[in-house]
Amino acid sequence: MKKPINPYVVLALAVLLPGAGHVAIRQAPRGLVFAFFVLLFGLLTYMSTTSDQSFIGRHAGGLFVWALSIPDAYRRARMSQVTLRAKLG
């Protein structure tokens, strides 16, 4: 069994790029789903707002999904670490 990656490294990756934290903890399909929905909802909110909105307002949907993916990646990395420690005693 491989040693799990440090949860703080996973957290940093998740902040830098949507889905990267999940890919680092070997849950690539989940990370790719998050990345897809960041792009999808970012595009949907971009298309449904007017040009006088701020950048954050125009991409709020994608940023929201990204914000949800960050603690999810950290929590999953932390659970892997705790599970391994419990198995090793």
N, C-alpha and C. Protein backbone atom coordinates (compact mmCIF):
# COMPACT_ATOMS: atom_id res chain seq x y z
N MET A 1 0.85 -1.17 0.00
CA MET A 1 0.00 0.00 0.00
C MET A 1 0.90 1.24 0.00
N LYS A 2 0.63 2.16 -0.90
CA LYS A 2 1.41 3.38 -0.98
C LYS A 2 1.01 4.35 0.11
N LYS A 3 1.99 5.13 0.55
CA LYS A 3 1.73 6.16 1.55
C LYS A 3 0.90 7.27 0.90
N PRO A 4 -0.20 7.68 1.55
CA PRO A 4 -1.02 8.75 0.96
C PRO A 4 -0.29 10.09 0.97
N ILE A 5 -0.64 10.92 0.02
CA ILE A 5 -0.04 12.25 -0.11
C ILE A 5 -0.51 13.13 1.05
N ASN A 6 0.32 14.04 1.45
CA ASN A 6 0.00 14.95 2.55
C ASN A 6 -1.28 15.74 2.21
N PRO A 7 -2.24 15.79 3.11
CA PRO A 7 -3.49 16.52 2.84
C PRO A 7 -3.29 18.00 2.54
N TYR A 8 -2.24 18.61 3.10
CA TYR A 8 -2.00 20.03 2.82
C TYR A 8 -1.50 20.24 1.39
N VAL A 9 -0.77 19.28 0.86
CA VAL A 9 -0.35 19.35 -0.54
C VAL A 9 -1.58 19.20 -1.44
N VAL A 10 -2.46 18.30 -1.07
CA VAL A 10 -3.71 18.12 -1.82
C VAL A 10 -4.53 19.40 -1.78
N LEU A 11 -4.59 20.03 -0.62
CA LEU A 11 -5.31 21.29 -0.47
C LEU A 11 -4.73 22.36 -1.39
N ALA A 12 -3.41 22.48 -1.43
CA ALA A 12 -2.77 23.47 -2.29
C ALA A 12 -3.06 23.19 -3.77
N LEU A 13 -3.00 21.93 -4.16
CA LEU A 13 -3.30 21.57 -5.55
C LEU A 13 -4.75 21.89 -5.91
N ALA A 14 -5.65 21.62 -4.98
CA ALA A 14 -7.07 21.88 -5.23
C ALA A 14 -7.35 23.37 -5.36
N VAL A 15 -6.61 24.18 -4.63
CA VAL A 15 -6.78 25.62 -4.73
C VAL A 15 -6.24 26.13 -6.06
N LEU A 16 -5.15 25.55 -6.52
CA LEU A 16 -4.51 26.02 -7.76
C LEU A 16 -5.30 25.65 -9.02
N LEU A 17 -5.85 24.46 -9.03
CA LEU A 17 -6.52 23.98 -10.25
C LEU A 17 -7.68 23.06 -9.87
N PRO A 18 -8.86 23.30 -10.42
CA PRO A 18 -10.00 22.45 -10.06
C PRO A 18 -9.75 20.99 -10.45
N GLY A 19 -9.96 20.10 -9.52
CA GLY A 19 -9.80 18.68 -9.79
C GLY A 19 -8.40 18.14 -9.56
N ALA A 20 -7.41 19.00 -9.44
CA ALA A 20 -6.03 18.54 -9.29
C ALA A 20 -5.80 17.82 -7.96
N GLY A 21 -6.46 18.26 -6.92
CA GLY A 21 -6.33 17.59 -5.63
C GLY A 21 -6.87 16.17 -5.68
N HIS A 22 -7.99 16.00 -6.37
CA HIS A 22 -8.57 14.65 -6.50
C HIS A 22 -7.67 13.75 -7.34
N VAL A 23 -7.09 14.30 -8.38
CA VAL A 23 -6.19 13.50 -9.22
C VAL A 23 -4.98 13.07 -8.40
N ALA A 24 -4.48 13.95 -7.54
CA ALA A 24 -3.32 13.63 -6.71
C ALA A 24 -3.59 12.49 -5.73
N ILE A 25 -4.83 12.36 -5.28
CA ILE A 25 -5.16 11.27 -4.35
C ILE A 25 -5.74 10.05 -5.07
N ARG A 26 -5.47 10.00 -6.35
CA ARG A 26 -5.84 8.85 -7.21
C ARG A 26 -7.35 8.67 -7.34
N GLN A 27 -8.07 9.80 -7.39
CA GLN A 27 -9.51 9.77 -7.66
C GLN A 27 -9.77 10.65 -8.88
N ALA A 28 -9.08 10.29 -9.97
CA ALA A 28 -9.12 11.10 -11.18
C ALA A 28 -10.53 11.28 -11.74
N PRO A 29 -11.37 10.24 -11.78
CA PRO A 29 -12.72 10.48 -12.32
C PRO A 29 -13.49 11.55 -11.54
N ARG A 30 -13.36 11.54 -10.24
CA ARG A 30 -14.05 12.56 -9.43
C ARG A 30 -13.47 13.94 -9.72
N GLY A 31 -12.16 14.03 -9.84
CA GLY A 31 -11.52 15.30 -10.16
C GLY A 31 -11.92 15.83 -11.53
N LEU A 32 -12.01 14.94 -12.49
CA LEU A 32 -12.42 15.36 -13.83
C LEU A 32 -13.88 15.80 -13.86
N VAL A 33 -14.71 15.17 -13.07
CA VAL A 33 -16.12 15.58 -12.97
C VAL A 33 -16.20 16.98 -12.37
N PHE A 34 -15.44 17.23 -11.32
CA PHE A 34 -15.42 18.57 -10.74
C PHE A 34 -14.94 19.60 -11.76
N ALA A 35 -13.85 19.28 -12.47
CA ALA A 35 -13.32 20.22 -13.47
C ALA A 35 -14.35 20.48 -14.57
N PHE A 36 -15.04 19.43 -15.00
CA PHE A 36 -16.07 19.59 -16.03
C PHE A 36 -17.18 20.53 -15.56
N PHE A 37 -17.65 20.33 -14.33
CA PHE A 37 -18.75 21.17 -13.84
C PHE A 37 -18.30 22.60 -13.53
N VAL A 38 -17.02 22.78 -13.18
CA VAL A 38 -16.51 24.14 -13.03
C VAL A 38 -16.61 24.86 -14.37
N LEU A 39 -16.16 24.19 -15.42
CA LEU A 39 -16.24 24.79 -16.76
C LEU A 39 -17.68 25.00 -17.21
N LEU A 40 -18.51 24.00 -17.00
CA LEU A 40 -19.90 24.07 -17.44
C LEU A 40 -20.65 25.22 -16.74
N PHE A 41 -20.59 25.25 -15.41
CA PHE A 41 -21.33 26.29 -14.69
C PHE A 41 -20.69 27.66 -14.86
N GLY A 42 -19.39 27.70 -15.03
CA GLY A 42 -18.75 28.97 -15.34
C GLY A 42 -19.24 29.52 -16.67
N LEU A 43 -19.34 28.66 -17.66
CA LEU A 43 -19.84 29.07 -18.97
C LEU A 43 -21.31 29.46 -18.91
N LEU A 44 -22.11 28.70 -18.18
CA LEU A 44 -23.54 29.01 -18.06
C LEU A 44 -23.77 30.37 -17.40
N THR A 45 -23.05 30.65 -16.33
CA THR A 45 -23.24 31.95 -15.69
C THR A 45 -22.66 33.07 -16.55
N TYR A 46 -21.59 32.78 -17.27
CA TYR A 46 -21.03 33.79 -18.17
C TYR A 46 -22.04 34.16 -19.26
N MET A 47 -22.69 33.15 -19.80
CA MET A 47 -23.64 33.38 -20.89
C MET A 47 -24.94 34.02 -20.40
N SER A 48 -25.27 33.84 -19.13
CA SER A 48 -26.55 34.34 -18.64
C SER A 48 -26.45 35.69 -17.94
N THR A 49 -25.26 36.27 -17.86
CA THR A 49 -25.11 37.58 -17.23
C THR A 49 -24.78 38.63 -18.28
N THR A 50 -24.90 39.87 -17.89
CA THR A 50 -24.60 40.97 -18.80
C THR A 50 -23.13 41.37 -18.67
N SER A 51 -22.65 42.13 -19.62
CA SER A 51 -21.24 42.50 -19.64
C SER A 51 -20.87 43.50 -18.55
N ASP A 52 -21.84 44.10 -17.91
CA ASP A 52 -21.51 45.05 -16.84
C ASP A 52 -21.25 44.37 -15.49
N GLN A 53 -21.34 43.06 -15.43
CA GLN A 53 -21.05 42.31 -14.21
C GLN A 53 -19.54 42.15 -14.04
N SER A 54 -19.10 41.97 -12.81
CA SER A 54 -17.68 41.75 -12.54
C SER A 54 -17.27 40.35 -13.02
N PHE A 55 -15.96 40.10 -13.02
CA PHE A 55 -15.45 38.80 -13.43
C PHE A 55 -16.03 37.71 -12.53
N ILE A 56 -16.03 37.97 -11.23
CA ILE A 56 -16.54 36.97 -10.28
C ILE A 56 -18.03 36.74 -10.50
N GLY A 57 -18.77 37.80 -10.75
CA GLY A 57 -20.19 37.66 -11.02
C GLY A 57 -20.48 36.89 -12.29
N ARG A 58 -19.65 37.09 -13.30
CA ARG A 58 -19.87 36.39 -14.56
C ARG A 58 -19.49 34.92 -14.50
N HIS A 59 -18.64 34.55 -13.59
CA HIS A 59 -18.18 33.16 -13.48
C HIS A 59 -18.56 32.52 -12.16
N ALA A 60 -19.57 33.03 -11.50
CA ALA A 60 -19.93 32.61 -10.14
C ALA A 60 -20.27 31.12 -10.05
N GLY A 61 -20.93 30.58 -11.04
CA GLY A 61 -21.29 29.17 -10.99
C GLY A 61 -20.07 28.26 -10.95
N GLY A 62 -19.12 28.53 -11.82
CA GLY A 62 -17.90 27.73 -11.84
C GLY A 62 -17.07 27.91 -10.59
N LEU A 63 -16.98 29.15 -10.11
CA LEU A 63 -16.22 29.41 -8.88
C LEU A 63 -16.87 28.73 -7.68
N PHE A 64 -18.20 28.64 -7.67
CA PHE A 64 -18.89 27.96 -6.58
C PHE A 64 -18.55 26.47 -6.56
N VAL A 65 -18.59 25.83 -7.71
CA VAL A 65 -18.26 24.40 -7.77
C VAL A 65 -16.79 24.19 -7.39
N TRP A 66 -15.92 25.08 -7.85
CA TRP A 66 -14.51 24.99 -7.49
C TRP A 66 -14.36 25.09 -5.97
N ALA A 67 -15.08 26.03 -5.36
CA ALA A 67 -15.02 26.20 -3.91
C ALA A 67 -15.51 24.95 -3.18
N LEU A 68 -16.46 24.24 -3.76
CA LEU A 68 -16.93 22.99 -3.15
C LEU A 68 -15.91 21.87 -3.29
N SER A 69 -15.14 21.88 -4.37
CA SER A 69 -14.18 20.80 -4.61
C SER A 69 -12.96 20.88 -3.70
N ILE A 70 -12.63 22.07 -3.22
CA ILE A 70 -11.43 22.24 -2.39
C ILE A 70 -11.53 21.48 -1.07
N PRO A 71 -12.57 21.72 -0.25
CA PRO A 71 -12.64 20.96 1.01
C PRO A 71 -12.92 19.47 0.77
N ASP A 72 -13.56 19.14 -0.33
CA ASP A 72 -13.82 17.73 -0.63
C ASP A 72 -12.51 16.99 -0.86
N ALA A 73 -11.62 17.57 -1.63
CA ALA A 73 -10.33 16.93 -1.89
C ALA A 73 -9.52 16.80 -0.60
N TYR A 74 -9.50 17.87 0.20
CA TYR A 74 -8.76 17.82 1.47
C TYR A 74 -9.34 16.76 2.40
N ARG A 75 -10.65 16.73 2.52
CA ARG A 75 -11.30 15.77 3.42
C ARG A 75 -11.00 14.33 2.99
N ARG A 76 -11.05 14.07 1.70
CA ARG A 76 -10.75 12.72 1.21
C ARG A 76 -9.30 12.34 1.43
N ALA A 77 -8.39 13.29 1.26
CA ALA A 77 -6.97 13.01 1.52
C ALA A 77 -6.75 12.75 3.01
N ARG A 78 -7.40 13.52 3.83
CA ARG A 78 -7.27 13.35 5.28
C ARG A 78 -7.84 11.99 5.72
N MET A 79 -8.97 11.60 5.13
CA MET A 79 -9.56 10.30 5.47
C MET A 79 -8.62 9.16 5.06
N SER A 80 -7.97 9.29 3.92
CA SER A 80 -7.02 8.26 3.49
C SER A 80 -5.86 8.14 4.46
N GLN A 81 -5.38 9.30 4.91
CA GLN A 81 -4.27 9.31 5.86
C GLN A 81 -4.66 8.67 7.19
N VAL A 82 -5.83 9.02 7.69
CA VAL A 82 -6.30 8.48 8.97
C VAL A 82 -6.56 6.97 8.85
N THR A 83 -7.12 6.54 7.75
CA THR A 83 -7.39 5.12 7.53
C THR A 83 -6.09 4.32 7.51
N LEU A 84 -5.08 4.85 6.83
CA LEU A 84 -3.80 4.15 6.78
C LEU A 84 -3.18 4.05 8.17
N ARG A 85 -3.23 5.14 8.93
CA ARG A 85 -2.69 5.11 10.29
C ARG A 85 -3.42 4.11 11.16
N ALA A 86 -4.72 3.98 11.00
CA ALA A 86 -5.50 3.02 11.79
C ALA A 86 -5.12 1.59 11.42
N LYS A 87 -4.87 1.35 10.14
CA LYS A 87 -4.50 0.00 9.71
C LYS A 87 -3.12 -0.39 10.22
N LEU A 88 -2.22 0.59 10.24
CA LEU A 88 -0.86 0.31 10.67
C LEU A 88 -0.73 0.23 12.19
N GLY A 89 -1.72 0.75 12.87
CA GLY A 89 -1.73 0.62 14.32
C GLY A 89 -1.13 1.75 14.99
